[in-house]
Amino acid sequence: MIELVNVSKKLQKKWVLKDISITFEPGKIYGIKGKNGAGKTMLLRAISGLINLSSGEIIISGEKLHEDIDFPRSVGILIENNNLLPEYTGIKNLQMLSKIKKVATEEKLIQTLESVGLDPYDKRTVKKYSLGMKQRLSIAQAIFEEPDIILLDEPTNAIDTEGVLAIRKLLINEKQRGATIVIASHSVEDLSELSDEILQMESGRIKYD
């Protein structure tokens, strides 16, 4: 469970997040919509521990972010440009990441790549990937260790229709596994197809009707 209590963030005299209080529960997908600059990506960065708050607190499974823990203990992130290793193949990228926590088997890496529509035996390096393939690999990076929390910013960008359907199916499976999933997207169709609850952001605030 993720609890945000009066979360605010100020950058250069501007409130990019302001007085946000909300709870994200396990086994649900939350969609965040809003115009560019509304605060969608900043909210994901706050939950992921990538920025310090100006005020308020974020509590994840009973632990306070930046006090009890620096980052969520179990999180998969796709925010803006993920750090793909361009000189390696897709599966080598996952293998390198998997050495950190050592929880994912080789079989799991192969299965994850296949689930996002990538060939685990493709010998091409990532620098030769199309934008859509890089996006698929970034999603694979976010989910392959079956994290408790999945934070995704525009996950279906540059992905074709067939790929979008595969990604939606994958995220529904992750939800059924019990993950807490928060998606920021301009795609109304993605949000309506996937979300248990859709939040509207405007000027750093969650707007309630």
C-alpha atoms as a PDB file:
ATOM      1  CA  MET A   1       0.000   0.000   0.000  1.00  0.00           C
ATOM      2  CA  ILE A   2       1.192   3.505  -0.861  1.00  0.00           C
ATOM      3  CA  GLU A   3      -0.049   6.422   1.245  1.00  0.00           C
ATOM      4  CA  LEU A   4       0.576  10.036   0.284  1.00  0.00           C
ATOM      5  CA  VAL A   5      -0.156  12.573   3.019  1.00  0.00           C
ATOM      6  CA  ASN A   6      -0.207  16.276   2.077  1.00  0.00           C
ATOM      7  CA  VAL A   7       2.597  15.764  -0.441  1.00  0.00           C
ATOM      8  CA  SER A   8       3.994  18.964  -1.958  1.00  0.00           C
ATOM      9  CA  LYS A   9       7.046  19.760  -4.086  1.00  0.00           C
ATOM     10  CA  LYS A  10       8.261  23.213  -5.062  1.00  0.00           C
ATOM     11  CA  LEU A  11      10.685  23.826  -7.922  1.00  0.00           C
ATOM     12  CA  GLN A  12      11.946  27.318  -8.728  1.00  0.00           C
ATOM     13  CA  LYS A  13       9.112  29.043  -6.852  1.00  0.00           C
ATOM     14  CA  LYS A  14       6.491  26.871  -8.558  1.00  0.00           C
ATOM     15  CA  TRP A  15       4.469  24.157  -6.859  1.00  0.00           C
ATOM     16  CA  VAL A  16       4.755  21.101  -9.129  1.00  0.00           C
ATOM     17  CA  LEU A  17       2.925  18.985  -6.539  1.00  0.00           C
ATOM     18  CA  LYS A  18       0.576  20.558  -4.021  1.00  0.00           C
ATOM     19  CA  ASP A  19      -1.226  19.027  -1.024  1.00  0.00           C
ATOM     20  CA  ILE A  20      -1.730  15.562  -2.497  1.00  0.00           C
ATOM     21  CA  SER A  21      -3.274  12.997  -0.161  1.00  0.00           C
ATOM     22  CA  ILE A  22      -4.264   9.644  -1.613  1.00  0.00           C
ATOM     23  CA  THR A  23      -3.885   5.916  -1.001  1.00  0.00           C
ATOM     24  CA  PHE A  24      -2.934   3.428  -3.723  1.00  0.00           C
ATOM     25  CA  GLU A  25      -3.965  -0.123  -2.855  1.00  0.00           C
ATOM     26  CA  PRO A  26      -2.448  -3.466  -3.937  1.00  0.00           C
ATOM     27  CA  GLY A  27      -4.089  -5.331  -6.793  1.00  0.00           C
ATOM     28  CA  LYS A  28      -5.333  -2.189  -8.493  1.00  0.00           C
ATOM     29  CA  ILE A  29      -4.365  -0.076 -11.494  1.00  0.00           C
ATOM     30  CA  TYR A  30      -4.549   3.686 -11.069  1.00  0.00           C
ATOM     31  CA  GLY A  31      -4.509   5.942 -14.111  1.00  0.00           C
ATOM     32  CA  ILE A  32      -3.302   9.524 -13.966  1.00  0.00           C
ATOM     33  CA  LYS A  33      -4.343  11.918 -16.698  1.00  0.00           C
ATOM     34  CA  GLY A  34      -3.677  15.597 -17.267  1.00  0.00           C
ATOM     35  CA  LYS A  35      -2.010  18.048 -19.598  1.00  0.00           C
ATOM     36  CA  ASN A  36       1.757  18.396 -19.963  1.00  0.00           C
ATOM     37  CA  GLY A  37       3.101  20.019 -16.818  1.00  0.00           C
ATOM     38  CA  ALA A  38       0.136  18.939 -14.696  1.00  0.00           C
ATOM     39  CA  GLY A  39       2.417  16.977 -12.363  1.00  0.00           C
ATOM     40  CA  LYS A  40       1.856  13.392 -13.549  1.00  0.00           C
ATOM     41  CA  THR A  41       5.514  12.477 -14.004  1.00  0.00           C
ATOM     42  CA  MET A  42       6.549  14.387 -10.883  1.00  0.00           C
ATOM     43  CA  LEU A  43       4.063  12.352  -8.844  1.00  0.00           C
ATOM     44  CA  LEU A  44       5.607   9.112 -10.106  1.00  0.00           C
ATOM     45  CA  ARG A  45       9.095  10.438  -9.335  1.00  0.00           C
ATOM     46  CA  ALA A  46       7.975  11.297  -5.806  1.00  0.00           C
ATOM     47  CA  ILE A  47       6.566   7.818  -5.163  1.00  0.00           C
ATOM     48  CA  SER A  48       9.720   6.219  -6.566  1.00  0.00           C
ATOM     49  CA  GLY A  49      11.918   8.202  -4.162  1.00  0.00           C
ATOM     50  CA  LEU A  50      13.730  10.040  -6.958  1.00  0.00           C
ATOM     51  CA  ILE A  51      12.911  13.491  -5.557  1.00  0.00           C
ATOM     52  CA  ASN A  52      12.807  14.920  -2.055  1.00  0.00           C
ATOM     53  CA  LEU A  53       9.533  16.469  -0.952  1.00  0.00           C
ATOM     54  CA  SER A  54       9.094  20.062   0.141  1.00  0.00           C
ATOM     55  CA  SER A  55       6.481  18.883   2.645  1.00  0.00           C
ATOM     56  CA  GLY A  56       4.258  15.925   3.425  1.00  0.00           C
ATOM     57  CA  GLU A  57       5.128  12.260   3.566  1.00  0.00           C
ATOM     58  CA  ILE A  58       4.903   9.069   1.551  1.00  0.00           C
ATOM     59  CA  ILE A  59       4.426   5.805   3.435  1.00  0.00           C
ATOM     60  CA  ILE A  60       4.975   2.502   1.652  1.00  0.00           C
ATOM     61  CA  SER A  61       3.890  -0.674   3.444  1.00  0.00           C
ATOM     62  CA  GLY A  62       4.254   1.114   6.775  1.00  0.00           C
ATOM     63  CA  GLU A  63       7.690   2.600   6.057  1.00  0.00           C
ATOM     64  CA  LYS A  64       8.220   6.323   5.556  1.00  0.00           C
ATOM     65  CA  LEU A  65      10.072   7.243   2.365  1.00  0.00           C
ATOM     66  CA  HIS A  66      13.337   9.205   2.937  1.00  0.00           C
ATOM     67  CA  GLU A  67      13.211   8.315   6.630  1.00  0.00           C
ATOM     68  CA  ASP A  68      12.834   4.558   7.091  1.00  0.00           C
ATOM     69  CA  ILE A  69      13.784   3.786   3.479  1.00  0.00           C
ATOM     70  CA  ASP A  70      15.453   5.778   0.683  1.00  0.00           C
ATOM     71  CA  PHE A  71      13.518   4.030  -2.071  1.00  0.00           C
ATOM     72  CA  PRO A  72      10.595   1.584  -2.197  1.00  0.00           C
ATOM     73  CA  ARG A  73      11.906  -1.901  -1.435  1.00  0.00           C
ATOM     74  CA  SER A  74      10.152  -3.524  -4.388  1.00  0.00           C
ATOM     75  CA  VAL A  75       9.451  -1.218  -7.324  1.00  0.00           C
ATOM     76  CA  GLY A  76       9.587  -1.300 -11.110  1.00  0.00           C
ATOM     77  CA  ILE A  77       9.866   2.041 -12.862  1.00  0.00           C
ATOM     78  CA  LEU A  78       9.426   3.398 -16.376  1.00  0.00           C
ATOM     79  CA  ILE A  79       9.800   7.156 -16.090  1.00  0.00           C
ATOM     80  CA  GLU A  80      10.957   9.169 -19.092  1.00  0.00           C
ATOM     81  CA  ASN A  81      14.185   7.651 -20.453  1.00  0.00           C
ATOM     82  CA  ASN A  82      15.113   4.425 -18.718  1.00  0.00           C
ATOM     83  CA  ASN A  83      18.784   3.593 -18.600  1.00  0.00           C
ATOM     84  CA  LEU A  84      19.074   0.966 -21.305  1.00  0.00           C
ATOM     85  CA  LEU A  85      22.555  -0.308 -22.102  1.00  0.00           C
ATOM     86  CA  PRO A  86      22.866   0.322 -25.867  1.00  0.00           C
ATOM     87  CA  GLU A  87      25.885  -1.916 -26.444  1.00  0.00           C
ATOM     88  CA  TYR A  88      24.129  -5.030 -25.122  1.00  0.00           C
ATOM     89  CA  THR A  89      21.289  -7.206 -26.380  1.00  0.00           C
ATOM     90  CA  GLY A  90      17.850  -7.045 -24.802  1.00  0.00           C
ATOM     91  CA  ILE A  91      18.316 -10.125 -22.666  1.00  0.00           C
ATOM     92  CA  LYS A  92      21.797  -9.004 -21.612  1.00  0.00           C
ATOM     93  CA  ASN A  93      20.235  -5.772 -20.327  1.00  0.00           C
ATOM     94  CA  LEU A  94      17.921  -7.815 -18.103  1.00  0.00           C
ATOM     95  CA  GLN A  95      20.737 -10.147 -17.066  1.00  0.00           C
ATOM     96  CA  MET A  96      22.847  -7.196 -15.920  1.00  0.00           C
ATOM     97  CA  LEU A  97      19.961  -5.804 -13.865  1.00  0.00           C
ATOM     98  CA  SER A  98      19.092  -9.200 -12.424  1.00  0.00           C
ATOM     99  CA  LYS A  99      22.544  -9.461 -10.809  1.00  0.00           C
ATOM    100  CA  ILE A 100      21.605  -6.741  -8.314  1.00  0.00           C
ATOM    101  CA  LYS A 101      18.754  -8.494  -6.482  1.00  0.00           C
ATOM    102  CA  LYS A 102      19.287 -12.008  -7.849  1.00  0.00           C
ATOM    103  CA  VAL A 103      15.600 -12.915  -7.687  1.00  0.00           C
ATOM    104  CA  ALA A 104      14.799 -13.519 -11.375  1.00  0.00           C
ATOM    105  CA  THR A 105      15.735 -16.764 -13.119  1.00  0.00           C
ATOM    106  CA  GLU A 106      16.940 -16.972 -16.716  1.00  0.00           C
ATOM    107  CA  GLU A 107      13.600 -18.558 -17.557  1.00  0.00           C
ATOM    108  CA  LYS A 108      11.824 -15.520 -16.097  1.00  0.00           C
ATOM    109  CA  LEU A 109      13.935 -13.154 -18.215  1.00  0.00           C
ATOM    110  CA  ILE A 110      13.052 -15.059 -21.382  1.00  0.00           C
ATOM    111  CA  GLN A 111       9.373 -15.206 -20.451  1.00  0.00           C
ATOM    112  CA  THR A 112       9.246 -11.462 -19.729  1.00  0.00           C
ATOM    113  CA  LEU A 113      10.837 -10.501 -23.045  1.00  0.00           C
ATOM    114  CA  GLU A 114       8.405 -12.732 -24.907  1.00  0.00           C
ATOM    115  CA  SER A 115       5.466 -11.224 -23.006  1.00  0.00           C
ATOM    116  CA  VAL A 116       6.353  -7.707 -24.233  1.00  0.00           C
ATOM    117  CA  GLY A 117       6.825  -8.946 -27.794  1.00  0.00           C
ATOM    118  CA  LEU A 118      10.624  -9.133 -27.949  1.00  0.00           C
ATOM    119  CA  ASP A 119      12.699 -12.091 -29.118  1.00  0.00           C
ATOM    120  CA  PRO A 120      14.984 -13.104 -26.219  1.00  0.00           C
ATOM    121  CA  TYR A 121      17.403 -14.647 -28.717  1.00  0.00           C
ATOM    122  CA  ASP A 122      17.694 -11.514 -30.877  1.00  0.00           C
ATOM    123  CA  LYS A 123      21.430 -10.841 -31.312  1.00  0.00           C
ATOM    124  CA  ARG A 124      20.975  -7.166 -32.150  1.00  0.00           C
ATOM    125  CA  THR A 125      22.222  -4.676 -29.591  1.00  0.00           C
ATOM    126  CA  VAL A 126      19.756  -2.201 -28.119  1.00  0.00           C
ATOM    127  CA  LYS A 127      21.268   0.699 -30.078  1.00  0.00           C
ATOM    128  CA  LYS A 128      19.836  -0.965 -33.196  1.00  0.00           C
ATOM    129  CA  TYR A 129      16.361  -1.254 -31.693  1.00  0.00           C
ATOM    130  CA  SER A 130      13.452   0.865 -32.914  1.00  0.00           C
ATOM    131  CA  LEU A 131      11.820   3.280 -30.454  1.00  0.00           C
ATOM    132  CA  GLY A 132       8.994   0.807 -29.951  1.00  0.00           C
ATOM    133  CA  MET A 133      11.395  -2.031 -29.175  1.00  0.00           C
ATOM    134  CA  LYS A 134      13.247   0.139 -26.655  1.00  0.00           C
ATOM    135  CA  GLN A 135       9.943   0.974 -25.003  1.00  0.00           C
ATOM    136  CA  ARG A 136       9.047  -2.715 -24.774  1.00  0.00           C
ATOM    137  CA  LEU A 137      12.428  -3.457 -23.203  1.00  0.00           C
ATOM    138  CA  SER A 138      11.928  -0.630 -20.703  1.00  0.00           C
ATOM    139  CA  ILE A 139       8.608  -2.184 -19.676  1.00  0.00           C
ATOM    140  CA  ALA A 140      10.310  -5.572 -19.347  1.00  0.00           C
ATOM    141  CA  GLN A 141      12.888  -3.961 -17.050  1.00  0.00           C
ATOM    142  CA  ALA A 142      10.106  -2.567 -14.881  1.00  0.00           C
ATOM    143  CA  ILE A 143       8.274  -5.863 -14.357  1.00  0.00           C
ATOM    144  CA  PHE A 144      10.688  -8.790 -14.697  1.00  0.00           C
ATOM    145  CA  GLU A 145      11.350  -9.070 -10.949  1.00  0.00           C
ATOM    146  CA  GLU A 146       7.611  -9.045 -10.137  1.00  0.00           C
ATOM    147  CA  PRO A 147       7.783  -5.908  -7.971  1.00  0.00           C
ATOM    148  CA  ASP A 148       5.090  -4.915  -5.482  1.00  0.00           C
ATOM    149  CA  ILE A 149       4.845  -1.455  -7.067  1.00  0.00           C
ATOM    150  CA  ILE A 150       4.915  -0.624 -10.789  1.00  0.00           C
ATOM    151  CA  LEU A 151       5.168   3.023 -11.890  1.00  0.00           C
ATOM    152  CA  LEU A 152       4.801   3.712 -15.606  1.00  0.00           C
ATOM    153  CA  ASP A 153       4.985   6.998 -17.503  1.00  0.00           C
ATOM    154  CA  GLU A 154       3.413   6.787 -20.990  1.00  0.00           C
ATOM    155  CA  PRO A 155       4.081   3.022 -21.256  1.00  0.00           C
ATOM    156  CA  THR A 156       2.600   2.521 -24.742  1.00  0.00           C
ATOM    157  CA  ASN A 157       4.446   5.387 -26.441  1.00  0.00           C
ATOM    158  CA  ALA A 158       5.858   4.346 -29.852  1.00  0.00           C
ATOM    159  CA  ILE A 159       4.306   0.861 -29.580  1.00  0.00           C
ATOM    160  CA  ASP A 160       2.091  -0.492 -32.370  1.00  0.00           C
ATOM    161  CA  THR A 161      -1.496  -1.641 -31.870  1.00  0.00           C
ATOM    162  CA  GLU A 162      -0.604  -5.318 -31.444  1.00  0.00           C
ATOM    163  CA  GLY A 163       2.050  -4.391 -28.915  1.00  0.00           C
ATOM    164  CA  VAL A 164      -0.331  -2.149 -26.987  1.00  0.00           C
ATOM    165  CA  LEU A 165      -2.775  -5.036 -26.570  1.00  0.00           C
ATOM    166  CA  ALA A 166       0.055  -7.272 -25.324  1.00  0.00           C
ATOM    167  CA  ILE A 167       1.191  -4.645 -22.809  1.00  0.00           C
ATOM    168  CA  ARG A 168      -2.353  -4.173 -21.515  1.00  0.00           C
ATOM    169  CA  LYS A 169      -2.725  -7.923 -21.007  1.00  0.00           C
ATOM    170  CA  LEU A 170       0.612  -8.016 -19.219  1.00  0.00           C
ATOM    171  CA  LEU A 171      -0.345  -5.208 -16.841  1.00  0.00           C
ATOM    172  CA  ILE A 172      -3.658  -6.857 -16.027  1.00  0.00           C
ATOM    173  CA  ASN A 173      -1.717 -10.018 -15.143  1.00  0.00           C
ATOM    174  CA  GLU A 174       0.554  -7.964 -12.868  1.00  0.00           C
ATOM    175  CA  LYS A 175      -2.505  -6.450 -11.201  1.00  0.00           C
ATOM    176  CA  GLN A 176      -3.964  -9.922 -10.620  1.00  0.00           C
ATOM    177  CA  ARG A 177      -0.639 -10.925  -9.062  1.00  0.00           C
ATOM    178  CA  GLY A 178      -1.275  -8.199  -6.491  1.00  0.00           C
ATOM    179  CA  ALA A 179       0.933  -5.358  -7.681  1.00  0.00           C
ATOM    180  CA  THR A 180       0.036  -1.724  -7.092  1.00  0.00           C
ATOM    181  CA  ILE A 181       0.234  -0.097 -10.531  1.00  0.00           C
ATOM    182  CA  VAL A 182       0.203   3.638 -11.234  1.00  0.00           C
ATOM    183  CA  ILE A 183       0.152   4.746 -14.886  1.00  0.00           C
ATOM    184  CA  ALA A 184       0.524   8.299 -16.168  1.00  0.00           C
ATOM    185  CA  SER A 185      -0.684   8.566 -19.747  1.00  0.00           C
ATOM    186  CA  HIS A 186      -2.178  10.819 -22.394  1.00  0.00           C
ATOM    187  CA  SER A 187      -3.904   7.766 -23.880  1.00  0.00           C
ATOM    188  CA  VAL A 188      -7.530   7.922 -22.807  1.00  0.00           C
ATOM    189  CA  GLU A 189      -8.057   4.466 -24.293  1.00  0.00           C
ATOM    190  CA  ASP A 190      -5.214   2.923 -22.277  1.00  0.00           C
ATOM    191  CA  LEU A 191      -6.476   4.458 -19.053  1.00  0.00           C
ATOM    192  CA  SER A 192     -10.103   3.492 -19.634  1.00  0.00           C
ATOM    193  CA  GLU A 193      -9.168  -0.088 -20.589  1.00  0.00           C
ATOM    194  CA  LEU A 194      -6.798  -0.644 -17.668  1.00  0.00           C
ATOM    195  CA  SER A 195      -7.656   1.561 -14.719  1.00  0.00           C
ATOM    196  CA  ASP A 196      -9.715   0.724 -11.669  1.00  0.00           C
ATOM    197  CA  GLU A 197      -9.596   4.424 -10.867  1.00  0.00           C
ATOM    198  CA  ILE A 198      -8.594   7.436 -12.981  1.00  0.00           C
ATOM    199  CA  LEU A 199      -7.215  10.573 -11.345  1.00  0.00           C
ATOM    200  CA  GLN A 200      -7.184  13.981 -13.019  1.00  0.00           C
ATOM    201  CA  MET A 201      -4.153  16.171 -12.302  1.00  0.00           C
ATOM    202  CA  GLU A 202      -4.062  19.910 -12.842  1.00  0.00           C
ATOM    203  CA  SER A 203      -1.367  22.381 -11.719  1.00  0.00           C
ATOM    204  CA  GLY A 204       0.219  19.839  -9.385  1.00  0.00           C
ATOM    205  CA  ARG A 205      -3.022  18.898  -7.663  1.00  0.00           C
ATOM    206  CA  ILE A 206      -5.409  15.984  -7.942  1.00  0.00           C
ATOM    207  CA  LYS A 207      -8.663  17.471  -9.152  1.00  0.00           C
ATOM    208  CA  TYR A 208     -11.850  16.033  -7.705  1.00  0.00           C
ATOM    209  CA  ASP A 209     -15.200  16.688  -9.349  1.00  0.00           C
END
